């Protein structure tokens, strides 16, 4: 059963040339519940985003600390997975989630390097999928940070996603939060690494995350810069011939 509720949080950012609005849009879907039931939400998880299939370059905490979770690999496997029936620990997630939230030693941070392109990437949006087999661990609470080419310091997007849907007891729940910019095409440019931090304070100590999607494109040289580079190369060739 799909809920029509959409929750939007926005933060205004001052800039020298433009005024950008970073927006978080969160939605959730609810499963049937009941003995023997399973639930897969209708979300279209990306299979070709910038971190799809990646192993993190750094992480802290244990994303597979308990309850038969899939741990870190599920966060970038390009699939939401199946939520099993509400019930005991053996059926809670069946490997569909990574556990995060800082409580009881669970995952607290995960970083992915985007160093394949020397100029970095323009990030247009970030989508985070989560949920649980009931309403007890379905909250999303996280921040997103990034570093740019030539600077190892991380910059945190000026918001904390904090979304806890209202779901009845003993019903599977799946949620999605998308961070984007309403005024500019990119959240950040020339990005070479992105980090997700999951602070303590989430409900029941930790919650489930099914997928992290980072949508963007590789930065390419400006046409003028490419031309100058080509001319410089031609000049070197002429000098060598002489």
Protein backbone atom coordinates (compact mmCIF):
# COMPACT_ATOMS: atom_id res chain seq x y z
CA UNK A 1 0.00 0.00 0.00
CA UNK A 2 1.51 3.30 -1.05
CA UNK A 3 1.12 6.39 1.09
CA UNK A 4 0.59 9.75 -0.65
CA UNK A 5 2.51 11.68 1.98
CA UNK A 6 5.54 13.67 0.80
CA UNK A 7 7.76 15.54 3.24
CA UNK A 8 9.97 18.40 2.05
CA UNK A 9 12.70 20.21 3.98
CA UNK A 10 14.62 23.10 2.42
CA UNK A 11 17.68 25.11 3.40
CA UNK A 12 18.62 28.43 1.79
CA UNK A 13 22.26 28.99 0.92
CA UNK A 14 23.75 32.39 0.25
CA UNK A 15 26.25 32.63 -2.60
CA UNK A 16 28.09 35.40 -4.36
CA UNK A 17 26.45 34.80 -7.73
CA UNK A 18 23.22 32.96 -6.95
CA UNK A 19 20.90 31.93 -4.16
CA UNK A 20 20.62 28.16 -4.11
CA UNK A 21 17.99 26.08 -2.35
CA UNK A 22 18.94 22.61 -1.20
CA UNK A 23 15.80 20.51 -0.79
CA UNK A 24 15.16 17.11 0.81
CA UNK A 25 12.10 15.23 -0.38
CA UNK A 26 11.12 12.15 1.64
CA UNK A 27 8.43 9.57 0.91
CA UNK A 28 7.51 6.16 2.29
CA UNK A 29 5.57 3.03 1.33
CA UNK A 30 3.96 0.45 3.60
CA UNK A 31 3.84 -3.31 3.13
CA UNK A 32 0.99 -5.75 3.87
CA UNK A 33 2.31 -7.24 7.11
CA UNK A 34 1.15 -10.64 8.25
CA UNK A 35 2.67 -14.09 8.55
CA UNK A 36 4.57 -15.20 5.46
CA UNK A 37 4.29 -11.83 3.73
CA UNK A 38 7.10 -10.05 1.91
CA UNK A 39 7.36 -6.52 0.55
CA UNK A 40 9.44 -4.85 -2.14
CA UNK A 41 8.72 -1.13 -2.66
CA UNK A 42 8.15 0.44 -6.07
CA UNK A 43 11.23 2.69 -5.88
CA UNK A 44 13.48 2.69 -8.94
CA UNK A 45 16.91 2.26 -7.37
CA UNK A 46 19.71 3.42 -9.69
CA UNK A 47 22.00 0.74 -11.10
CA UNK A 48 24.44 3.12 -12.80
CA UNK A 49 24.98 5.88 -10.25
CA UNK A 50 28.48 7.03 -9.35
CA UNK A 51 28.97 4.62 -6.44
CA UNK A 52 27.04 1.61 -7.75
CA UNK A 53 28.92 -1.59 -6.92
CA UNK A 54 31.65 0.29 -5.07
CA UNK A 55 33.44 -0.82 -1.94
CA UNK A 56 33.85 2.12 0.46
CA UNK A 57 37.26 3.75 0.69
CA UNK A 58 36.68 4.26 4.43
CA UNK A 59 34.01 3.44 7.01
CA UNK A 60 33.48 3.37 10.76
CA UNK A 61 31.27 1.15 12.85
CA UNK A 62 29.69 -2.19 11.98
CA UNK A 63 27.00 -2.09 9.30
CA UNK A 64 26.22 -5.78 9.80
CA UNK A 65 26.29 -5.85 13.57
CA UNK A 66 23.07 -7.80 14.13
CA UNK A 67 19.89 -9.36 12.82
CA UNK A 68 21.06 -11.03 9.61
CA UNK A 69 21.76 -7.83 7.71
CA UNK A 70 23.68 -7.68 4.46
CA UNK A 71 26.08 -5.03 5.74
CA UNK A 72 28.03 -2.61 3.56
CA UNK A 73 27.63 -4.45 0.22
CA UNK A 74 23.86 -3.89 0.10
CA UNK A 75 24.30 -0.10 0.18
CA UNK A 76 25.64 -0.01 -3.39
CA UNK A 77 24.31 -3.22 -4.99
CA UNK A 78 21.72 -1.46 -7.18
CA UNK A 79 18.73 -3.15 -5.54
CA UNK A 80 16.38 -2.36 -2.70
CA UNK A 81 15.96 -5.99 -1.70
CA UNK A 82 13.03 -7.79 -0.10
CA UNK A 83 11.62 -7.03 3.34
CA UNK A 84 10.33 -10.17 5.02
CA UNK A 85 7.43 -10.56 7.41
CA UNK A 86 7.30 -8.77 10.75
CA UNK A 87 8.52 -11.07 13.49
CA UNK A 88 11.60 -12.43 15.18
CA UNK A 89 15.20 -11.47 14.63
CA UNK A 90 15.84 -14.20 12.04
CA UNK A 91 13.25 -12.69 9.69
CA UNK A 92 13.73 -9.00 10.29
CA UNK A 93 15.77 -8.00 7.25
CA UNK A 94 16.99 -11.13 5.48
CA UNK A 95 20.03 -9.25 4.23
CA UNK A 96 18.12 -6.30 2.76
CA UNK A 97 19.66 -3.60 4.94
CA UNK A 98 22.85 -2.17 6.32
CA UNK A 99 22.57 -1.12 9.96
CA UNK A 100 23.50 2.47 10.89
CA UNK A 101 22.88 5.01 13.60
CA UNK A 102 25.77 4.82 16.03
CA UNK A 103 23.89 2.85 18.64
CA UNK A 104 25.19 -0.49 19.96
CA UNK A 105 28.28 -0.20 17.79
CA UNK A 106 26.44 -0.03 14.47
CA UNK A 107 27.63 1.84 11.36
CA UNK A 108 28.39 5.52 11.83
CA UNK A 109 30.11 6.67 8.62
CA UNK A 110 30.88 5.46 5.10
CA UNK A 111 33.00 7.18 2.40
CA UNK A 112 33.25 6.47 -1.31
CA UNK A 113 36.12 7.71 -3.50
CA UNK A 114 35.25 9.07 -6.96
CA UNK A 115 38.85 9.47 -8.05
CA UNK A 116 38.53 7.83 -11.50
CA UNK A 117 38.01 11.18 -13.23
CA UNK A 118 40.88 13.69 -12.70
CA UNK A 119 38.50 16.69 -12.69
CA UNK A 120 35.96 15.06 -10.40
CA UNK A 121 32.20 14.88 -10.78
CA UNK A 122 29.22 17.23 -10.72
CA UNK A 123 26.71 15.85 -8.21
CA UNK A 124 23.09 16.58 -9.12
CA UNK A 125 21.29 14.59 -6.40
CA UNK A 126 21.71 12.03 -3.64
CA UNK A 127 19.07 9.42 -2.84
CA UNK A 128 19.02 7.30 0.32
CA UNK A 129 16.69 4.31 0.72
CA UNK A 130 15.84 2.71 4.05
CA UNK A 131 13.19 0.87 6.00
CA UNK A 132 12.52 -2.14 8.18
CA UNK A 133 10.12 -5.00 8.62
CA UNK A 134 8.12 -2.94 11.11
CA UNK A 135 7.93 0.64 12.39
CA UNK A 136 10.66 0.22 15.00
CA UNK A 137 13.80 0.92 12.95
CA UNK A 138 12.62 2.81 9.86
CA UNK A 139 13.95 6.30 10.64
CA UNK A 140 16.47 8.05 8.37
CA UNK A 141 18.98 10.28 10.19
CA UNK A 142 22.13 11.27 8.29
CA UNK A 143 24.27 14.01 6.77
CA UNK A 144 26.16 14.09 3.45
CA UNK A 145 29.63 15.58 2.96
CA UNK A 146 31.97 15.80 -0.01
CA UNK A 147 35.53 16.73 -0.93
CA UNK A 148 36.66 18.30 -4.19
CA UNK A 149 39.67 17.71 -6.41
CA UNK A 150 42.76 19.29 -4.89
CA UNK A 151 41.30 19.65 -1.39
CA UNK A 152 40.98 16.71 1.00
CA UNK A 153 38.80 18.62 3.49
CA UNK A 154 35.15 17.54 3.55
CA UNK A 155 32.31 20.05 3.22
CA UNK A 156 28.96 19.06 4.74
CA UNK A 157 25.74 19.91 2.97
CA UNK A 158 23.93 22.38 5.29
CA UNK A 159 21.17 20.08 6.45
CA UNK A 160 20.52 16.92 8.42
CA UNK A 161 18.01 14.50 6.95
CA UNK A 162 15.73 13.38 9.78
CA UNK A 163 12.69 11.45 8.57
CA UNK A 164 10.64 9.03 10.65
CA UNK A 165 7.41 8.00 8.89
CA UNK A 166 4.22 7.31 10.83
CA UNK A 167 3.54 3.61 10.22
CA UNK A 168 1.29 1.20 12.10
CA UNK A 169 2.68 -1.70 14.09
CA UNK A 170 3.65 -4.97 12.37
CA UNK A 171 3.74 -3.49 8.86
CA UNK A 172 6.81 -3.44 6.64
CA UNK A 173 7.96 0.09 5.79
CA UNK A 174 10.27 1.44 3.06
CA UNK A 175 11.38 5.05 2.69
CA UNK A 176 13.37 7.26 0.35
CA UNK A 177 14.97 10.69 0.81
CA UNK A 178 16.31 12.65 -2.16
CA UNK A 179 18.61 15.66 -1.73
CA UNK A 180 18.68 18.06 -4.69
CA UNK A 181 18.99 21.76 -5.50
CA UNK A 182 15.97 23.70 -6.72
CA UNK A 183 17.97 26.61 -8.12
CA UNK A 184 21.19 25.16 -9.49
CA UNK A 185 21.86 22.06 -11.59
CA UNK A 186 24.39 20.66 -9.11
CA UNK A 187 24.68 20.19 -5.37
CA UNK A 188 28.47 20.31 -5.73
CA UNK A 189 31.07 20.34 -8.51
CA UNK A 190 34.50 18.72 -9.00
CA UNK A 191 33.70 16.19 -6.28
CA UNK A 192 36.18 13.37 -5.77
CA UNK A 193 34.76 11.72 -2.62
CA UNK A 194 31.42 11.60 -0.82
CA UNK A 195 30.69 10.64 2.78
CA UNK A 196 27.53 9.65 4.65
CA UNK A 197 27.48 10.14 8.43
CA UNK A 198 24.88 8.47 10.65
CA UNK A 199 24.79 10.13 14.08
CA UNK A 200 23.55 8.65 17.32
CA UNK A 201 20.05 9.49 18.45
CA UNK A 202 18.09 7.45 15.94
CA UNK A 203 15.13 5.39 17.21
CA UNK A 204 16.02 2.18 19.04
CA UNK A 205 19.74 2.72 18.57
CA UNK A 206 20.06 1.88 14.87
CA UNK A 207 17.94 1.68 11.71
CA UNK A 208 18.06 0.04 8.28
CA UNK A 209 19.44 1.46 5.02
CA UNK A 210 18.91 -0.38 1.73
CA UNK A 211 20.75 1.72 -0.87
CA UNK A 212 22.80 4.88 -1.37
CA UNK A 213 22.62 6.53 -4.81
CA UNK A 214 24.87 9.41 -5.91
CA UNK A 215 23.70 10.84 -9.23
CA UNK A 216 26.10 12.96 -11.28
CA UNK A 217 28.34 13.30 -14.30
CA UNK A 218 32.06 13.49 -14.88
CA UNK A 219 33.51 16.99 -15.24
CA UNK A 220 35.03 17.55 -18.69
CA UNK A 221 37.54 20.28 -19.65
CA UNK A 222 36.14 23.54 -21.00
CA UNK A 223 36.43 23.75 -24.81
CA UNK A 224 38.93 26.61 -24.52
CA UNK A 225 41.07 24.68 -22.07
CA UNK A 226 41.01 21.63 -24.31
CA UNK A 227 42.07 23.76 -27.29
CA UNK A 228 44.92 25.34 -25.36
CA UNK A 229 46.06 21.92 -24.22
CA UNK A 230 46.00 20.66 -27.82
CA UNK A 231 47.94 23.69 -29.06
CA UNK A 232 50.50 23.25 -26.32
CA UNK A 233 50.90 19.63 -27.36
CA UNK A 234 51.42 20.67 -30.97
CA UNK A 235 54.04 23.20 -29.88
CA UNK A 236 55.96 20.54 -28.01
CA UNK A 237 55.90 18.27 -31.05
CA UNK A 238 57.28 21.07 -33.29
CA UNK A 239 60.07 21.82 -30.83
CA UNK A 240 61.03 18.18 -30.64
CA UNK A 241 61.20 17.92 -34.44
CA UNK A 242 63.49 20.94 -34.61
